[in-house]
Amino acid sequence: MEGELKDYLGIPRRLIPWFPSVDEEKCNGCSICVKACKHEVYSFDIAKKKAFVANPYSCEVFCQSCQFQCSLEAISFPHKTEVKEVIKGLRDRYPPK
């Protein structure tokens, strides 16, 4: 997946800090997030019996569908307003085409 990263509105995806975090304390290893994410953001650690973020920048910017599927609230994302400010700041270097 790493080689397939796409720009987001003309901005290199690696510059946008939008990706999930998994709280290991809350995660029960159900792997719903692994199965639900069509972008292969998650993987499963068999030894720990926990999901983890394997490909953070493969996450679609502002998608949170995995978070809504996690009944244990083990998945979190940065605040959208903060990420929007980062994107706004990058606009000078990467104007819309």
C-alpha atoms as a PDB file:
ATOM      1  CA  MET A   1       0.000   0.000   0.000  1.00  0.00           C
ATOM      2  CA  GLU A   2       2.835   2.432   0.741  1.00  0.00           C
ATOM      3  CA  GLY A   3       3.653   2.998  -2.939  1.00  0.00           C
ATOM      4  CA  GLU A   4       0.029   3.709  -3.775  1.00  0.00           C
ATOM      5  CA  LEU A   5      -0.447   6.819  -1.642  1.00  0.00           C
ATOM      6  CA  LYS A   6      -2.490   9.443  -3.412  1.00  0.00           C
ATOM      7  CA  ASP A   7      -2.459  13.178  -2.948  1.00  0.00           C
ATOM      8  CA  TYR A   8      -5.321  14.771  -1.069  1.00  0.00           C
ATOM      9  CA  LEU A   9      -6.594  17.788  -3.007  1.00  0.00           C
ATOM     10  CA  GLY A  10      -3.125  18.168  -4.519  1.00  0.00           C
ATOM     11  CA  ILE A  11      -1.321  17.874  -1.173  1.00  0.00           C
ATOM     12  CA  PRO A  12       1.017  14.901  -0.609  1.00  0.00           C
ATOM     13  CA  ARG A  13      -0.792  12.497   1.707  1.00  0.00           C
ATOM     14  CA  ARG A  14       2.236  12.077   4.008  1.00  0.00           C
ATOM     15  CA  LEU A  15       1.935  15.733   5.043  1.00  0.00           C
ATOM     16  CA  ILE A  16      -1.605  15.350   6.379  1.00  0.00           C
ATOM     17  CA  PRO A  17      -1.750  14.013   9.955  1.00  0.00           C
ATOM     18  CA  TRP A  18      -5.039  12.154   9.594  1.00  0.00           C
ATOM     19  CA  PHE A  19      -4.959   8.537  10.698  1.00  0.00           C
ATOM     20  CA  PRO A  20      -6.385   6.430  13.526  1.00  0.00           C
ATOM     21  CA  SER A  21      -4.849   5.387  16.815  1.00  0.00           C
ATOM     22  CA  VAL A  22      -5.774   2.171  18.594  1.00  0.00           C
ATOM     23  CA  ASP A  23      -5.962   2.161  22.379  1.00  0.00           C
ATOM     24  CA  GLU A  24      -4.498  -1.245  23.299  1.00  0.00           C
ATOM     25  CA  GLU A  25      -6.139  -1.083  26.717  1.00  0.00           C
ATOM     26  CA  LYS A  26      -9.593  -0.906  25.145  1.00  0.00           C
ATOM     27  CA  CYS A  27      -9.018  -3.177  22.138  1.00  0.00           C
ATOM     28  CA  ASN A  28     -10.333  -6.700  22.667  1.00  0.00           C
ATOM     29  CA  GLY A  29      -8.927  -8.106  19.432  1.00  0.00           C
ATOM     30  CA  CYS A  30     -12.241  -8.508  17.626  1.00  0.00           C
ATOM     31  CA  SER A  31     -10.540  -7.288  14.386  1.00  0.00           C
ATOM     32  CA  ILE A  32     -13.657  -5.560  13.087  1.00  0.00           C
ATOM     33  CA  CYS A  33     -11.500  -2.570  12.136  1.00  0.00           C
ATOM     34  CA  VAL A  34      -9.104  -4.783  10.174  1.00  0.00           C
ATOM     35  CA  LYS A  35     -11.979  -6.302   8.197  1.00  0.00           C
ATOM     36  CA  ALA A  36     -13.907  -3.047   7.772  1.00  0.00           C
ATOM     37  CA  CYS A  37     -11.107  -0.857   6.424  1.00  0.00           C
ATOM     38  CA  LYS A  38     -10.967  -1.092   2.643  1.00  0.00           C
ATOM     39  CA  HIS A  39      -7.666   0.816   2.629  1.00  0.00           C
ATOM     40  CA  GLU A  40      -5.738  -1.796   4.645  1.00  0.00           C
ATOM     41  CA  VAL A  41      -4.803   0.706   7.350  1.00  0.00           C
ATOM     42  CA  TYR A  42      -4.930  -1.944  10.079  1.00  0.00           C
ATOM     43  CA  SER A  43      -3.186  -5.212  10.701  1.00  0.00           C
ATOM     44  CA  PHE A  44      -3.504  -7.757  13.482  1.00  0.00           C
ATOM     45  CA  ASP A  45      -0.776  -8.662  15.962  1.00  0.00           C
ATOM     46  CA  ILE A  46      -1.330 -12.352  16.628  1.00  0.00           C
ATOM     47  CA  ALA A  47       0.985 -12.409  19.655  1.00  0.00           C
ATOM     48  CA  LYS A  48      -0.750  -9.481  21.364  1.00  0.00           C
ATOM     49  CA  LYS A  49      -4.186 -10.390  19.972  1.00  0.00           C
ATOM     50  CA  LYS A  50      -4.734  -6.740  19.106  1.00  0.00           C
ATOM     51  CA  ALA A  51      -5.279  -4.646  16.010  1.00  0.00           C
ATOM     52  CA  PHE A  52      -2.740  -1.955  15.190  1.00  0.00           C
ATOM     53  CA  VAL A  53      -2.279   0.791  12.618  1.00  0.00           C
ATOM     54  CA  ALA A  54       0.088  -0.638  10.026  1.00  0.00           C
ATOM     55  CA  ASN A  55      -0.378   1.827   7.150  1.00  0.00           C
ATOM     56  CA  PRO A  56      -1.441   5.155   8.667  1.00  0.00           C
ATOM     57  CA  TYR A  57      -1.161   7.239   5.505  1.00  0.00           C
ATOM     58  CA  SER A  58      -3.348   4.811   3.573  1.00  0.00           C
ATOM     59  CA  CYS A  59      -6.255   6.093   5.660  1.00  0.00           C
ATOM     60  CA  GLU A  60      -8.665   8.190   3.643  1.00  0.00           C
ATOM     61  CA  VAL A  61      -8.556  11.765   4.922  1.00  0.00           C
ATOM     62  CA  PHE A  62     -11.546  12.460   7.213  1.00  0.00           C
ATOM     63  CA  CYS A  63     -12.899   8.893   7.005  1.00  0.00           C
ATOM     64  CA  GLN A  64     -13.904   7.565  10.410  1.00  0.00           C
ATOM     65  CA  SER A  65     -15.996   4.532   9.523  1.00  0.00           C
ATOM     66  CA  CYS A  66     -13.766   2.168  11.508  1.00  0.00           C
ATOM     67  CA  GLN A  67     -14.213   4.299  14.623  1.00  0.00           C
ATOM     68  CA  PHE A  68     -17.976   4.029  14.363  1.00  0.00           C
ATOM     69  CA  GLN A  69     -17.778   0.248  14.031  1.00  0.00           C
ATOM     70  CA  CYS A  70     -15.672  -0.185  17.177  1.00  0.00           C
ATOM     71  CA  SER A  71     -18.158  -0.694  20.001  1.00  0.00           C
ATOM     72  CA  LEU A  72     -15.359  -0.426  22.589  1.00  0.00           C
ATOM     73  CA  GLU A  73     -14.296   3.049  21.429  1.00  0.00           C
ATOM     74  CA  ALA A  74     -10.714   1.830  21.058  1.00  0.00           C
ATOM     75  CA  ILE A  75     -10.142   3.866  17.878  1.00  0.00           C
ATOM     76  CA  SER A  76      -9.585   7.600  17.848  1.00  0.00           C
ATOM     77  CA  PHE A  77      -8.637  10.251  15.320  1.00  0.00           C
ATOM     78  CA  PRO A  78      -7.147  13.735  15.550  1.00  0.00           C
ATOM     79  CA  HIS A  79      -9.588  16.634  15.749  1.00  0.00           C
ATOM     80  CA  LYS A  80     -10.823  17.560  12.283  1.00  0.00           C
ATOM     81  CA  THR A  81     -10.364  21.274  12.938  1.00  0.00           C
ATOM     82  CA  GLU A  82      -6.655  20.793  13.656  1.00  0.00           C
ATOM     83  CA  VAL A  83      -6.144  18.761  10.485  1.00  0.00           C
ATOM     84  CA  LYS A  84      -8.071  21.328   8.446  1.00  0.00           C
ATOM     85  CA  GLU A  85      -5.689  23.999   9.750  1.00  0.00           C
ATOM     86  CA  VAL A  86      -2.701  21.912   8.624  1.00  0.00           C
ATOM     87  CA  ILE A  87      -4.249  21.517   5.178  1.00  0.00           C
ATOM     88  CA  LYS A  88      -4.972  25.250   5.042  1.00  0.00           C
ATOM     89  CA  GLY A  89      -1.336  25.960   5.934  1.00  0.00           C
ATOM     90  CA  LEU A  90      -0.114  23.655   3.152  1.00  0.00           C
ATOM     91  CA  ARG A  91      -2.207  25.430   0.515  1.00  0.00           C
ATOM     92  CA  ASP A  92       0.543  28.028  -0.137  1.00  0.00           C
ATOM     93  CA  ARG A  93       2.993  25.266  -1.110  1.00  0.00           C
ATOM     94  CA  TYR A  94       0.346  23.136  -2.852  1.00  0.00           C
ATOM     95  CA  PRO A  95      -2.281  25.384  -4.463  1.00  0.00           C
ATOM     96  CA  PRO A  96      -5.375  23.762  -6.006  1.00  0.00           C
ATOM     97  CA  LYS A  97      -4.922  22.743  -9.614  1.00  0.00           C
END
